[in-house]
Amino acid sequence: MYGCGTEVRNAAVDSLCELAAHSATFARQSQDFLVDMFNDEIEAVRLNAINSLRKICHHFLLREDQLDIMLSVLKVACFDTVGWVI
């Protein structure tokens, strides 16, 4: 997905979320992609991935490595936004 335009990445995240909302199997298969999108350089894509994962998280449990990625991205975002160091 990297190298594609912001609109394309957001559309891909939205499509995955819509499909995953109707299939627990697809939700589990797409969770790695959505967590990976937390590392996108565009904030709108990162926020879309967070919101999409929130919508479908009732289908699965997050793994520790996924939580580590999420936490590190949130730490960077928190520091970039307000200068906090966690």
PDB file of N, CA and C in Angstrom:
ATOM      1  N   MET A   1       0.812  -1.195   0.000  1.00  0.00           N
ATOM      2  CA  MET A   1       0.000   0.000   0.000  1.00  0.00           C
ATOM      3  C   MET A   1       0.856   1.259   0.000  1.00  0.00           C
ATOM      4  N   TYR A   2       2.079   1.165   0.473  1.00  0.00           N
ATOM      5  CA  TYR A   2       2.909   2.356   0.502  1.00  0.00           C
ATOM      6  C   TYR A   2       3.265   2.742  -0.920  1.00  0.00           C
ATOM      7  N   GLY A   3       3.261   4.012  -1.192  1.00  0.00           N
ATOM      8  CA  GLY A   3       3.498   4.507  -2.529  1.00  0.00           C
ATOM      9  C   GLY A   3       2.206   4.857  -3.243  1.00  0.00           C
ATOM     10  N   CYS A   4       1.090   4.368  -2.747  1.00  0.00           N
ATOM     11  CA  CYS A   4      -0.218   4.719  -3.312  1.00  0.00           C
ATOM     12  C   CYS A   4      -0.658   6.052  -2.703  1.00  0.00           C
ATOM     13  N   GLY A   5      -1.598   6.702  -3.353  1.00  0.00           N
ATOM     14  CA  GLY A   5      -2.112   7.961  -2.843  1.00  0.00           C
ATOM     15  C   GLY A   5      -2.910   7.764  -1.562  1.00  0.00           C
ATOM     16  N   THR A   6      -3.064   8.854  -0.825  1.00  0.00           N
ATOM     17  CA  THR A   6      -3.809   8.826   0.433  1.00  0.00           C
ATOM     18  C   THR A   6      -5.225   8.307   0.228  1.00  0.00           C
ATOM     19  N   GLU A   7      -5.879   8.775  -0.838  1.00  0.00           N
ATOM     20  CA  GLU A   7      -7.257   8.347  -1.096  1.00  0.00           C
ATOM     21  C   GLU A   7      -7.334   6.847  -1.327  1.00  0.00           C
ATOM     22  N   VAL A   8      -6.344   6.299  -2.027  1.00  0.00           N
ATOM     23  CA  VAL A   8      -6.329   4.862  -2.310  1.00  0.00           C
ATOM     24  C   VAL A   8      -6.144   4.073  -1.022  1.00  0.00           C
ATOM     25  N   ARG A   9      -5.222   4.515  -0.175  1.00  0.00           N
ATOM     26  CA  ARG A   9      -4.980   3.804   1.090  1.00  0.00           C
ATOM     27  C   ARG A   9      -6.196   3.895   2.000  1.00  0.00           C
ATOM     28  N   ASN A  10      -6.817   5.076   2.071  1.00  0.00           N
ATOM     29  CA  ASN A  10      -8.021   5.205   2.889  1.00  0.00           C
ATOM     30  C   ASN A  10      -9.157   4.347   2.347  1.00  0.00           C
ATOM     31  N   ALA A  11      -9.299   4.286   1.037  1.00  0.00           N
ATOM     32  CA  ALA A  11     -10.338   3.453   0.432  1.00  0.00           C
ATOM     33  C   ALA A  11     -10.092   1.972   0.724  1.00  0.00           C
ATOM     34  N   ALA A  12      -8.834   1.557   0.698  1.00  0.00           N
ATOM     35  CA  ALA A  12      -8.505   0.166   1.008  1.00  0.00           C
ATOM     36  C   ALA A  12      -8.844  -0.162   2.466  1.00  0.00           C
ATOM     37  N   VAL A  13      -8.503   0.748   3.370  1.00  0.00           N
ATOM     38  CA  VAL A  13      -8.826   0.553   4.787  1.00  0.00           C
ATOM     39  C   VAL A  13     -10.347   0.492   4.974  1.00  0.00           C
ATOM     40  N   ASP A  14     -11.070   1.400   4.347  1.00  0.00           N
ATOM     41  CA  ASP A  14     -12.534   1.412   4.449  1.00  0.00           C
ATOM     42  C   ASP A  14     -13.148   0.119   3.910  1.00  0.00           C
ATOM     43  N   SER A  15     -12.646  -0.337   2.785  1.00  0.00           N
ATOM     44  CA  SER A  15     -13.167  -1.568   2.181  1.00  0.00           C
ATOM     45  C   SER A  15     -12.916  -2.770   3.078  1.00  0.00           C
ATOM     46  N   LEU A  16     -11.708  -2.864   3.618  1.00  0.00           N
ATOM     47  CA  LEU A  16     -11.405  -3.960   4.541  1.00  0.00           C
ATOM     48  C   LEU A  16     -12.335  -3.926   5.743  1.00  0.00           C
ATOM     49  N   CYS A  17     -12.557  -2.756   6.271  1.00  0.00           N
ATOM     50  CA  CYS A  17     -13.418  -2.615   7.441  1.00  0.00           C
ATOM     51  C   CYS A  17     -14.846  -3.062   7.127  1.00  0.00           C
ATOM     52  N   GLU A  18     -15.370  -2.636   5.992  1.00  0.00           N
ATOM     53  CA  GLU A  18     -16.733  -3.024   5.616  1.00  0.00           C
ATOM     54  C   GLU A  18     -16.857  -4.532   5.451  1.00  0.00           C
ATOM     55  N   LEU A  19     -15.894  -5.146   4.776  1.00  0.00           N
ATOM     56  CA  LEU A  19     -15.937  -6.594   4.576  1.00  0.00           C
ATOM     57  C   LEU A  19     -15.745  -7.341   5.903  1.00  0.00           C
ATOM     58  N   ALA A  20     -14.829  -6.839   6.726  1.00  0.00           N
ATOM     59  CA  ALA A  20     -14.536  -7.493   8.004  1.00  0.00           C
ATOM     60  C   ALA A  20     -15.700  -7.394   8.982  1.00  0.00           C
ATOM     61  N   ALA A  21     -16.504  -6.358   8.845  1.00  0.00           N
ATOM     62  CA  ALA A  21     -17.655  -6.191   9.736  1.00  0.00           C
ATOM     63  C   ALA A  21     -18.664  -7.321   9.556  1.00  0.00           C
ATOM     64  N   HIS A  22     -18.629  -7.967   8.402  1.00  0.00           N
ATOM     65  CA  HIS A  22     -19.589  -9.028   8.097  1.00  0.00           C
ATOM     66  C   HIS A  22     -18.989 -10.426   8.153  1.00  0.00           C
ATOM     67  N   SER A  23     -17.713 -10.529   8.471  1.00  0.00           N
ATOM     68  CA  SER A  23     -17.061 -11.837   8.490  1.00  0.00           C
ATOM     69  C   SER A  23     -15.948 -11.858   9.532  1.00  0.00           C
ATOM     70  N   ALA A  24     -16.133 -12.673  10.551  1.00  0.00           N
ATOM     71  CA  ALA A  24     -15.111 -12.785  11.597  1.00  0.00           C
ATOM     72  C   ALA A  24     -13.805 -13.333  11.031  1.00  0.00           C
ATOM     73  N   THR A  25     -13.902 -14.264  10.094  1.00  0.00           N
ATOM     74  CA  THR A  25     -12.693 -14.832   9.482  1.00  0.00           C
ATOM     75  C   THR A  25     -11.926 -13.760   8.728  1.00  0.00           C
ATOM     76  N   PHE A  26     -12.632 -12.972   7.942  1.00  0.00           N
ATOM     77  CA  PHE A  26     -11.968 -11.895   7.196  1.00  0.00           C
ATOM     78  C   PHE A  26     -11.409 -10.846   8.149  1.00  0.00           C
ATOM     79  N   ALA A  27     -12.108 -10.576   9.229  1.00  0.00           N
ATOM     80  CA  ALA A  27     -11.622  -9.600  10.209  1.00  0.00           C
ATOM     81  C   ALA A  27     -10.296 -10.049  10.792  1.00  0.00           C
ATOM     82  N   ARG A  28     -10.205 -11.325  11.155  1.00  0.00           N
ATOM     83  CA  ARG A  28      -8.941 -11.839  11.704  1.00  0.00           C
ATOM     84  C   ARG A  28      -7.827 -11.789  10.667  1.00  0.00           C
ATOM     85  N   GLN A  29      -8.171 -12.050   9.415  1.00  0.00           N
ATOM     86  CA  GLN A  29      -7.161 -12.035   8.352  1.00  0.00           C
ATOM     87  C   GLN A  29      -6.700 -10.616   8.022  1.00  0.00           C
ATOM     88  N   SER A  30      -7.528  -9.632   8.235  1.00  0.00           N
ATOM     89  CA  SER A  30      -7.170  -8.258   7.874  1.00  0.00           C
ATOM     90  C   SER A  30      -6.568  -7.453   9.024  1.00  0.00           C
ATOM     91  N   GLN A  31      -6.575  -7.999  10.237  1.00  0.00           N
ATOM     92  CA  GLN A  31      -6.106  -7.205  11.362  1.00  0.00           C
ATOM     93  C   GLN A  31      -4.632  -6.838  11.251  1.00  0.00           C
ATOM     94  N   ASP A  32      -3.776  -7.715  10.715  1.00  0.00           N
ATOM     95  CA  ASP A  32      -2.358  -7.364  10.551  1.00  0.00           C
ATOM     96  C   ASP A  32      -2.198  -6.165   9.624  1.00  0.00           C
ATOM     97  N   PHE A  33      -2.953  -6.155   8.528  1.00  0.00           N
ATOM     98  CA  PHE A  33      -2.875  -5.042   7.589  1.00  0.00           C
ATOM     99  C   PHE A  33      -3.294  -3.745   8.266  1.00  0.00           C
ATOM    100  N   LEU A  34      -4.391  -3.778   9.009  1.00  0.00           N
ATOM    101  CA  LEU A  34      -4.875  -2.557   9.661  1.00  0.00           C
ATOM    102  C   LEU A  34      -3.879  -2.051  10.702  1.00  0.00           C
ATOM    103  N   VAL A  35      -3.293  -2.968  11.471  1.00  0.00           N
ATOM    104  CA  VAL A  35      -2.283  -2.550  12.456  1.00  0.00           C
ATOM    105  C   VAL A  35      -1.067  -1.972  11.735  1.00  0.00           C
ATOM    106  N   ASP A  36      -0.680  -2.577  10.612  1.00  0.00           N
ATOM    107  CA  ASP A  36       0.441  -2.063   9.844  1.00  0.00           C
ATOM    108  C   ASP A  36       0.171  -0.647   9.334  1.00  0.00           C
ATOM    109  N   MET A  37      -1.070  -0.348   9.027  1.00  0.00           N
ATOM    110  CA  MET A  37      -1.422   0.984   8.540  1.00  0.00           C
ATOM    111  C   MET A  37      -1.272   2.051   9.620  1.00  0.00           C
ATOM    112  N   PHE A  38      -1.102   1.650  10.882  1.00  0.00           N
ATOM    113  CA  PHE A  38      -0.813   2.607  11.950  1.00  0.00           C
ATOM    114  C   PHE A  38       0.528   3.296  11.695  1.00  0.00           C
ATOM    115  N   ASN A  39       1.390   2.681  10.894  1.00  0.00           N
ATOM    116  CA  ASN A  39       2.712   3.232  10.588  1.00  0.00           C
ATOM    117  C   ASN A  39       2.715   4.107   9.348  1.00  0.00           C
ATOM    118  N   ASP A  40       1.564   4.334   8.743  1.00  0.00           N
ATOM    119  CA  ASP A  40       1.499   5.150   7.532  1.00  0.00           C
ATOM    120  C   ASP A  40       1.990   6.559   7.823  1.00  0.00           C
ATOM    121  N   GLU A  41       2.574   7.193   6.814  1.00  0.00           N
ATOM    122  CA  GLU A  41       3.106   8.548   7.017  1.00  0.00           C
ATOM    123  C   GLU A  41       2.019   9.608   7.060  1.00  0.00           C
ATOM    124  N   ILE A  42       0.829   9.271   6.597  1.00  0.00           N
ATOM    125  CA  ILE A  42      -0.272  10.233   6.559  1.00  0.00           C
ATOM    126  C   ILE A  42      -1.174  10.026   7.782  1.00  0.00           C
ATOM    127  N   GLU A  43      -1.355  11.083   8.558  1.00  0.00           N
ATOM    128  CA  GLU A  43      -2.142  10.988   9.787  1.00  0.00           C
ATOM    129  C   GLU A  43      -3.578  10.534   9.520  1.00  0.00           C
ATOM    130  N   ALA A  44      -4.183  11.002   8.451  1.00  0.00           N
ATOM    131  CA  ALA A  44      -5.566  10.628   8.143  1.00  0.00           C
ATOM    132  C   ALA A  44      -5.699   9.118   7.921  1.00  0.00           C
ATOM    133  N   VAL A  45      -4.694   8.523   7.312  1.00  0.00           N
ATOM    134  CA  VAL A  45      -4.714   7.068   7.092  1.00  0.00           C
ATOM    135  C   VAL A  45      -4.547   6.341   8.418  1.00  0.00           C
ATOM    136  N   ARG A  46      -3.647   6.833   9.253  1.00  0.00           N
ATOM    137  CA  ARG A  46      -3.454   6.214  10.574  1.00  0.00           C
ATOM    138  C   ARG A  46      -4.741   6.277  11.388  1.00  0.00           C
ATOM    139  N   LEU A  47      -5.387   7.440  11.404  1.00  0.00           N
ATOM    140  CA  LEU A  47      -6.633   7.587  12.164  1.00  0.00           C
ATOM    141  C   LEU A  47      -7.738   6.692  11.596  1.00  0.00           C
ATOM    142  N   ASN A  48      -7.792   6.572  10.291  1.00  0.00           N
ATOM    143  CA  ASN A  48      -8.778   5.704   9.658  1.00  0.00           C
ATOM    144  C   ASN A  48      -8.537   4.249  10.048  1.00  0.00           C
ATOM    145  N   ALA A  49      -7.274   3.835  10.084  1.00  0.00           N
ATOM    146  CA  ALA A  49      -6.943   2.465  10.480  1.00  0.00           C
ATOM    147  C   ALA A  49      -7.327   2.215  11.942  1.00  0.00           C
ATOM    148  N   ILE A  50      -7.068   3.178  12.804  1.00  0.00           N
ATOM    149  CA  ILE A  50      -7.446   3.043  14.217  1.00  0.00           C
ATOM    150  C   ILE A  50      -8.957   2.926  14.351  1.00  0.00           C
ATOM    151  N   ASN A  51      -9.685   3.782  13.684  1.00  0.00           N
ATOM    152  CA  ASN A  51     -11.138   3.759  13.748  1.00  0.00           C
ATOM    153  C   ASN A  51     -11.706   2.472  13.151  1.00  0.00           C
ATOM    154  N   SER A  52     -11.122   2.018  12.059  1.00  0.00           N
ATOM    155  CA  SER A  52     -11.586   0.779  11.430  1.00  0.00           C
ATOM    156  C   SER A  52     -11.337  -0.426  12.329  1.00  0.00           C
ATOM    157  N   LEU A  53     -10.170  -0.467  12.943  1.00  0.00           N
ATOM    158  CA  LEU A  53      -9.863  -1.573  13.847  1.00  0.00           C
ATOM    159  C   LEU A  53     -10.826  -1.562  15.036  1.00  0.00           C
ATOM    160  N   ARG A  54     -11.166  -0.381  15.509  1.00  0.00           N
ATOM    161  CA  ARG A  54     -12.122  -0.270  16.610  1.00  0.00           C
ATOM    162  C   ARG A  54     -13.482  -0.850  16.222  1.00  0.00           C
ATOM    163  N   LYS A  55     -13.880  -0.622  14.986  1.00  0.00           N
ATOM    164  CA  LYS A  55     -15.189  -1.094  14.526  1.00  0.00           C
ATOM    165  C   LYS A  55     -15.286  -2.611  14.436  1.00  0.00           C
ATOM    166  N   ILE A  56     -14.159  -3.278  14.199  1.00  0.00           N
ATOM    167  CA  ILE A  56     -14.212  -4.731  13.976  1.00  0.00           C
ATOM    168  C   ILE A  56     -13.522  -5.545  15.074  1.00  0.00           C
ATOM    169  N   CYS A  57     -13.054  -4.887  16.118  1.00  0.00           N
ATOM    170  CA  CYS A  57     -12.248  -5.585  17.131  1.00  0.00           C
ATOM    171  C   CYS A  57     -13.033  -6.633  17.918  1.00  0.00           C
ATOM    172  N   HIS A  58     -14.350  -6.622  17.825  1.00  0.00           N
ATOM    173  CA  HIS A  58     -15.131  -7.640  18.528  1.00  0.00           C
ATOM    174  C   HIS A  58     -14.973  -9.017  17.888  1.00  0.00           C
ATOM    175  N   HIS A  59     -14.346  -9.079  16.714  1.00  0.00           N
ATOM    176  CA  HIS A  59     -14.138 -10.342  16.009  1.00  0.00           C
ATOM    177  C   HIS A  59     -12.847 -11.057  16.413  1.00  0.00           C
ATOM    178  N   PHE A  60     -11.953 -10.399  17.145  1.00  0.00           N
ATOM    179  CA  PHE A  60     -10.650 -11.002  17.426  1.00  0.00           C
ATOM    180  C   PHE A  60     -10.013 -10.369  18.653  1.00  0.00           C
ATOM    181  N   LEU A  61      -8.942 -10.984  19.113  1.00  0.00           N
ATOM    182  CA  LEU A  61      -8.096 -10.419  20.166  1.00  0.00           C
ATOM    183  C   LEU A  61      -6.805  -9.950  19.526  1.00  0.00           C
ATOM    184  N   LEU A  62      -6.324  -8.817  19.965  1.00  0.00           N
ATOM    185  CA  LEU A  62      -5.055  -8.326  19.451  1.00  0.00           C
ATOM    186  C   LEU A  62      -3.911  -9.114  20.074  1.00  0.00           C
ATOM    187  N   ARG A  63      -2.884  -9.368  19.268  1.00  0.00           N
ATOM    188  CA  ARG A  63      -1.688 -10.053  19.763  1.00  0.00           C
ATOM    189  C   ARG A  63      -0.752  -9.033  20.406  1.00  0.00           C
ATOM    190  N   GLU A  64       0.172  -9.529  21.187  1.00  0.00           N
ATOM    191  CA  GLU A  64       1.102  -8.647  21.877  1.00  0.00           C
ATOM    192  C   GLU A  64       1.933  -7.828  20.896  1.00  0.00           C
ATOM    193  N   ASP A  65       2.392  -8.436  19.800  1.00  0.00           N
ATOM    194  CA  ASP A  65       3.195  -7.690  18.829  1.00  0.00           C
ATOM    195  C   ASP A  65       2.382  -6.573  18.176  1.00  0.00           C
ATOM    196  N   GLN A  66       1.084  -6.802  17.973  1.00  0.00           N
ATOM    197  CA  GLN A  66       0.225  -5.763  17.412  1.00  0.00           C
ATOM    198  C   GLN A  66       0.035  -4.627  18.409  1.00  0.00           C
ATOM    199  N   LEU A  67      -0.149  -4.980  19.663  1.00  0.00           N
ATOM    200  CA  LEU A  67      -0.275  -3.944  20.694  1.00  0.00           C
ATOM    201  C   LEU A  67       1.000  -3.118  20.819  1.00  0.00           C
ATOM    202  N   ASP A  68       2.162  -3.786  20.670  1.00  0.00           N
ATOM    203  CA  ASP A  68       3.432  -3.055  20.713  1.00  0.00           C
ATOM    204  C   ASP A  68       3.522  -2.031  19.586  1.00  0.00           C
ATOM    205  N   ILE A  69       3.093  -2.415  18.381  1.00  0.00           N
ATOM    206  CA  ILE A  69       3.099  -1.486  17.247  1.00  0.00           C
ATOM    207  C   ILE A  69       2.178  -0.313  17.536  1.00  0.00           C
ATOM    208  N   MET A  70       0.989  -0.611  18.015  1.00  0.00           N
ATOM    209  CA  MET A  70       0.017   0.439  18.302  1.00  0.00           C
ATOM    210  C   MET A  70       0.548   1.394  19.360  1.00  0.00           C
ATOM    211  N   LEU A  71       1.123   0.848  20.418  1.00  0.00           N
ATOM    212  CA  LEU A  71       1.638   1.680  21.495  1.00  0.00           C
ATOM    213  C   LEU A  71       2.782   2.566  21.015  1.00  0.00           C
ATOM    214  N   SER A  72       3.692   2.022  20.209  1.00  0.00           N
ATOM    215  CA  SER A  72       4.816   2.831  19.738  1.00  0.00           C
ATOM    216  C   SER A  72       4.342   3.959  18.828  1.00  0.00           C
ATOM    217  N   VAL A  73       3.340   3.688  17.992  1.00  0.00           N
ATOM    218  CA  VAL A  73       2.801   4.735  17.119  1.00  0.00           C
ATOM    219  C   VAL A  73       2.109   5.811  17.949  1.00  0.00           C
ATOM    220  N   LEU A  74       1.354   5.399  18.965  1.00  0.00           N
ATOM    221  CA  LEU A  74       0.676   6.364  19.818  1.00  0.00           C
ATOM    222  C   LEU A  74       1.674   7.205  20.611  1.00  0.00           C
ATOM    223  N   LYS A  75       2.773   6.599  21.036  1.00  0.00           N
ATOM    224  CA  LYS A  75       3.806   7.361  21.747  1.00  0.00           C
ATOM    225  C   LYS A  75       4.396   8.444  20.854  1.00  0.00           C
ATOM    226  N   VAL A  76       4.702   8.085  19.619  1.00  0.00           N
ATOM    227  CA  VAL A  76       5.254   9.056  18.681  1.00  0.00           C
ATOM    228  C   VAL A  76       4.240  10.160  18.404  1.00  0.00           C
ATOM    229  N   ALA A  77       2.993   9.779  18.202  1.00  0.00           N
ATOM    230  CA  ALA A  77       1.948  10.774  17.924  1.00  0.00           C
ATOM    231  C   ALA A  77       1.760  11.704  19.099  1.00  0.00           C
ATOM    232  N   CYS A  78       1.809  11.154  20.305  1.00  0.00           N
ATOM    233  CA  CYS A  78       1.646  11.973  21.507  1.00  0.00           C
ATOM    234  C   CYS A  78       2.804  12.960  21.631  1.00  0.00           C
ATOM    235  N   PHE A  79       4.015  12.500  21.374  1.00  0.00           N
ATOM    236  CA  PHE A  79       5.167  13.389  21.453  1.00  0.00           C
ATOM    237  C   PHE A  79       5.106  14.458  20.373  1.00  0.00           C
ATOM    238  N   ASP A  80       4.749  14.059  19.138  1.00  0.00           N
ATOM    239  CA  ASP A  80       4.670  15.013  18.036  1.00  0.00           C
ATOM    240  C   ASP A  80       3.587  16.060  18.275  1.00  0.00           C
ATOM    241  N   THR A  81       2.498  15.662  18.919  1.00  0.00           N
ATOM    242  CA  THR A  81       1.369  16.563  19.111  1.00  0.00           C
ATOM    243  C   THR A  81       1.596  17.558  20.239  1.00  0.00           C
ATOM    244  N   VAL A  82       2.009  17.053  21.397  1.00  0.00           N
ATOM    245  CA  VAL A  82       2.104  17.945  22.561  1.00  0.00           C
ATOM    246  C   VAL A  82       3.478  17.935  23.222  1.00  0.00           C
ATOM    247  N   GLY A  83       4.407  17.164  22.686  1.00  0.00           N
ATOM    248  CA  GLY A  83       5.742  17.137  23.256  1.00  0.00           C
ATOM    249  C   GLY A  83       5.875  16.266  24.491  1.00  0.00           C
ATOM    250  N   TRP A  84       4.876  15.434  24.744  1.00  0.00           N
ATOM    251  CA  TRP A  84       4.940  14.536  25.897  1.00  0.00           C
ATOM    252  C   TRP A  84       5.837  13.362  25.596  1.00  0.00           C
ATOM    253  N   VAL A  85       6.576  12.928  26.576  1.00  0.00           N
ATOM    254  CA  VAL A  85       7.382  11.716  26.472  1.00  0.00           C
ATOM    255  C   VAL A  85       6.772  10.691  27.398  1.00  0.00           C
ATOM    256  N   ILE A  86       6.398   9.554  26.829  1.00  0.00           N
ATOM    257  CA  ILE A  86       5.755   8.489  27.638  1.00  0.00           C
ATOM    258  C   ILE A  86       6.760   7.388  27.862  1.00  0.00           C
TER     259      ILE A  86
END
